[in-house]
Amino acid sequence: MLSGGYPPILQDRCEAARWLQLAADQGTTGAASLLGNWYSAGIGLPHDDTQAVYWWRRATESNRLAFDAEANLGQSYEFGRGVAQDYAQAFVWYQKAVFMSPVAK
């Protein structure tokens, strides 16, 4: 609610990021994936591709549906954002994302 500013709550993305961090630290897959997105876009946090990759990896460790994090990791490797550019690793992560995607099944 803090991230979107739902009345009567005022938008505070820095505070929302703090709560996302707490949830991600406790192993919540969706929070870890979203935290990676926020680091990647600089929403409520400083833009940091390395941190984005870290949180996307954490999201994929749970073996739950984390196809968005897997696709983001593929893109990170494809374009060398937060990691060294590696097309083979990009392919691996893209394949995992397609395999896990409910749309692809």
C-alpha atoms as a PDB file:
ATOM      1  CA  MET A   1       0.000   0.000   0.000  1.00  0.00           C
ATOM      2  CA  LEU A   2       2.905   2.335   0.708  1.00  0.00           C
ATOM      3  CA  SER A   3       4.296   1.846  -2.794  1.00  0.00           C
ATOM      4  CA  GLY A   4       1.116   2.934  -4.560  1.00  0.00           C
ATOM      5  CA  GLY A   5      -0.226   5.584  -2.221  1.00  0.00           C
ATOM      6  CA  TYR A   6      -3.646   4.086  -1.578  1.00  0.00           C
ATOM      7  CA  PRO A   7      -5.779   6.635   0.302  1.00  0.00           C
ATOM      8  CA  PRO A   8      -5.697   7.326   3.172  1.00  0.00           C
ATOM      9  CA  ILE A   9      -2.072   6.063   3.145  1.00  0.00           C
ATOM     10  CA  LEU A  10       0.435   8.423   1.566  1.00  0.00           C
ATOM     11  CA  GLN A  11       2.891   6.981  -0.929  1.00  0.00           C
ATOM     12  CA  ASP A  12       6.284   6.321   0.633  1.00  0.00           C
ATOM     13  CA  ARG A  13       8.374   4.061  -1.577  1.00  0.00           C
ATOM     14  CA  CYS A  14      11.415   4.259   0.707  1.00  0.00           C
ATOM     15  CA  GLU A  15       9.336   2.863   3.583  1.00  0.00           C
ATOM     16  CA  ALA A  16       7.752   0.328   1.232  1.00  0.00           C
ATOM     17  CA  ALA A  17      11.263  -0.792   0.200  1.00  0.00           C
ATOM     18  CA  ARG A  18      12.155  -1.267   3.865  1.00  0.00           C
ATOM     19  CA  TRP A  19       9.158  -3.586   4.314  1.00  0.00           C
ATOM     20  CA  LEU A  20      10.001  -5.445   1.101  1.00  0.00           C
ATOM     21  CA  GLN A  21      13.535  -5.943   2.405  1.00  0.00           C
ATOM     22  CA  LEU A  22      12.198  -7.405   5.664  1.00  0.00           C
ATOM     23  CA  ALA A  23       9.921  -9.813   3.800  1.00  0.00           C
ATOM     24  CA  ALA A  24      12.665 -10.787   1.338  1.00  0.00           C
ATOM     25  CA  ASP A  25      15.109 -11.415   4.188  1.00  0.00           C
ATOM     26  CA  GLN A  26      12.586 -13.896   5.590  1.00  0.00           C
ATOM     27  CA  GLY A  27      12.515 -15.798   2.289  1.00  0.00           C
ATOM     28  CA  THR A  28       9.354 -14.455   0.677  1.00  0.00           C
ATOM     29  CA  THR A  29       9.852 -15.173  -3.033  1.00  0.00           C
ATOM     30  CA  GLY A  30       7.585 -12.415  -4.343  1.00  0.00           C
ATOM     31  CA  ALA A  31       9.204  -9.802  -2.112  1.00  0.00           C
ATOM     32  CA  ALA A  32      12.702 -10.832  -3.226  1.00  0.00           C
ATOM     33  CA  SER A  33      11.702 -10.660  -6.882  1.00  0.00           C
ATOM     34  CA  LEU A  34      10.008  -7.288  -6.456  1.00  0.00           C
ATOM     35  CA  LEU A  35      12.973  -5.957  -4.499  1.00  0.00           C
ATOM     36  CA  GLY A  36      15.176  -6.920  -7.441  1.00  0.00           C
ATOM     37  CA  ASN A  37      12.819  -5.033  -9.748  1.00  0.00           C
ATOM     38  CA  TRP A  38      12.958  -1.974  -7.510  1.00  0.00           C
ATOM     39  CA  TYR A  39      16.762  -2.005  -7.400  1.00  0.00           C
ATOM     40  CA  SER A  40      16.835  -2.387 -11.174  1.00  0.00           C
ATOM     41  CA  ALA A  41      14.511   0.579 -11.708  1.00  0.00           C
ATOM     42  CA  GLY A  42      15.681   2.699  -8.753  1.00  0.00           C
ATOM     43  CA  ILE A  43      12.247   2.716  -7.117  1.00  0.00           C
ATOM     44  CA  GLY A  44      12.501   3.629  -3.422  1.00  0.00           C
ATOM     45  CA  LEU A  45      16.144   2.508  -3.515  1.00  0.00           C
ATOM     46  CA  PRO A  46      19.246   3.597  -5.385  1.00  0.00           C
ATOM     47  CA  HIS A  47      19.555   2.020  -8.842  1.00  0.00           C
ATOM     48  CA  ASP A  48      21.867  -0.973  -8.386  1.00  0.00           C
ATOM     49  CA  ASP A  49      21.971  -3.765 -10.966  1.00  0.00           C
ATOM     50  CA  THR A  50      24.200  -5.936  -8.772  1.00  0.00           C
ATOM     51  CA  GLN A  51      21.653  -5.829  -5.941  1.00  0.00           C
ATOM     52  CA  ALA A  52      18.869  -6.504  -8.445  1.00  0.00           C
ATOM     53  CA  VAL A  53      20.641  -9.677  -9.595  1.00  0.00           C
ATOM     54  CA  TYR A  54      21.238 -10.717  -5.983  1.00  0.00           C
ATOM     55  CA  TRP A  55      17.543 -10.472  -5.095  1.00  0.00           C
ATOM     56  CA  TRP A  56      16.380 -12.154  -8.295  1.00  0.00           C
ATOM     57  CA  ARG A  57      18.711 -15.053  -7.479  1.00  0.00           C
ATOM     58  CA  ARG A  58      17.299 -15.216  -3.963  1.00  0.00           C
ATOM     59  CA  ALA A  59      13.791 -15.361  -5.444  1.00  0.00           C
ATOM     60  CA  THR A  60      14.727 -18.343  -7.626  1.00  0.00           C
ATOM     61  CA  GLU A  61      16.271 -20.296  -4.744  1.00  0.00           C
ATOM     62  CA  SER A  62      12.886 -21.128  -3.250  1.00  0.00           C
ATOM     63  CA  ASN A  63      11.857 -23.365  -6.168  1.00  0.00           C
ATOM     64  CA  ARG A  64       8.504 -21.606  -6.266  1.00  0.00           C
ATOM     65  CA  LEU A  65       7.098 -19.832  -9.273  1.00  0.00           C
ATOM     66  CA  ALA A  66       9.749 -17.193  -9.842  1.00  0.00           C
ATOM     67  CA  PHE A  67       9.657 -17.073 -13.629  1.00  0.00           C
ATOM     68  CA  ASP A  68       9.726 -13.270 -13.614  1.00  0.00           C
ATOM     69  CA  ALA A  69      12.964 -13.287 -11.587  1.00  0.00           C
ATOM     70  CA  GLU A  70      14.394 -15.956 -13.906  1.00  0.00           C
ATOM     71  CA  ALA A  71      13.528 -13.883 -16.972  1.00  0.00           C
ATOM     72  CA  ASN A  72      15.107 -10.822 -15.339  1.00  0.00           C
ATOM     73  CA  LEU A  73      18.268 -12.813 -14.666  1.00  0.00           C
ATOM     74  CA  GLY A  74      18.307 -13.888 -18.306  1.00  0.00           C
ATOM     75  CA  GLN A  75      18.098 -10.272 -19.346  1.00  0.00           C
ATOM     76  CA  SER A  76      20.851  -9.311 -16.877  1.00  0.00           C
ATOM     77  CA  TYR A  77      23.201 -11.878 -18.406  1.00  0.00           C
ATOM     78  CA  GLU A  78      22.181 -11.012 -21.956  1.00  0.00           C
ATOM     79  CA  PHE A  79      22.979  -7.316 -21.532  1.00  0.00           C
ATOM     80  CA  GLY A  80      25.666  -7.526 -18.823  1.00  0.00           C
ATOM     81  CA  ARG A  81      23.699  -5.641 -16.161  1.00  0.00           C
ATOM     82  CA  GLY A  82      24.955  -6.433 -12.656  1.00  0.00           C
ATOM     83  CA  VAL A  83      26.864  -9.461 -13.983  1.00  0.00           C
ATOM     84  CA  ALA A  84      29.364 -10.134 -16.752  1.00  0.00           C
ATOM     85  CA  GLN A  85      27.656 -10.533 -20.118  1.00  0.00           C
ATOM     86  CA  ASP A  86      27.197 -14.242 -20.771  1.00  0.00           C
ATOM     87  CA  TYR A  87      24.856 -15.422 -23.511  1.00  0.00           C
ATOM     88  CA  ALA A  88      24.997 -19.047 -22.379  1.00  0.00           C
ATOM     89  CA  GLN A  89      23.823 -18.088 -18.883  1.00  0.00           C
ATOM     90  CA  ALA A  90      21.181 -15.814 -20.401  1.00  0.00           C
ATOM     91  CA  PHE A  91      19.848 -18.774 -22.378  1.00  0.00           C
ATOM     92  CA  VAL A  92      19.784 -20.991 -19.256  1.00  0.00           C
ATOM     93  CA  TRP A  93      17.774 -18.418 -17.283  1.00  0.00           C
ATOM     94  CA  TYR A  94      15.410 -17.703 -20.165  1.00  0.00           C
ATOM     95  CA  GLN A  95      14.769 -21.443 -20.548  1.00  0.00           C
ATOM     96  CA  LYS A  96      13.994 -21.763 -16.834  1.00  0.00           C
ATOM     97  CA  ALA A  97      11.611 -18.814 -17.070  1.00  0.00           C
ATOM     98  CA  VAL A  98       9.745 -20.357 -20.010  1.00  0.00           C
ATOM     99  CA  PHE A  99       9.576 -23.743 -18.291  1.00  0.00           C
ATOM    100  CA  MET A 100       8.206 -22.220 -15.058  1.00  0.00           C
ATOM    101  CA  SER A 101       5.802 -19.772 -16.684  1.00  0.00           C
ATOM    102  CA  PRO A 102       2.166 -20.742 -16.237  1.00  0.00           C
ATOM    103  CA  VAL A 103       1.551 -19.305 -19.704  1.00  0.00           C
ATOM    104  CA  ALA A 104       4.110 -21.631 -21.281  1.00  0.00           C
ATOM    105  CA  LYS A 105       2.586 -24.780 -19.764  1.00  0.00           C
END
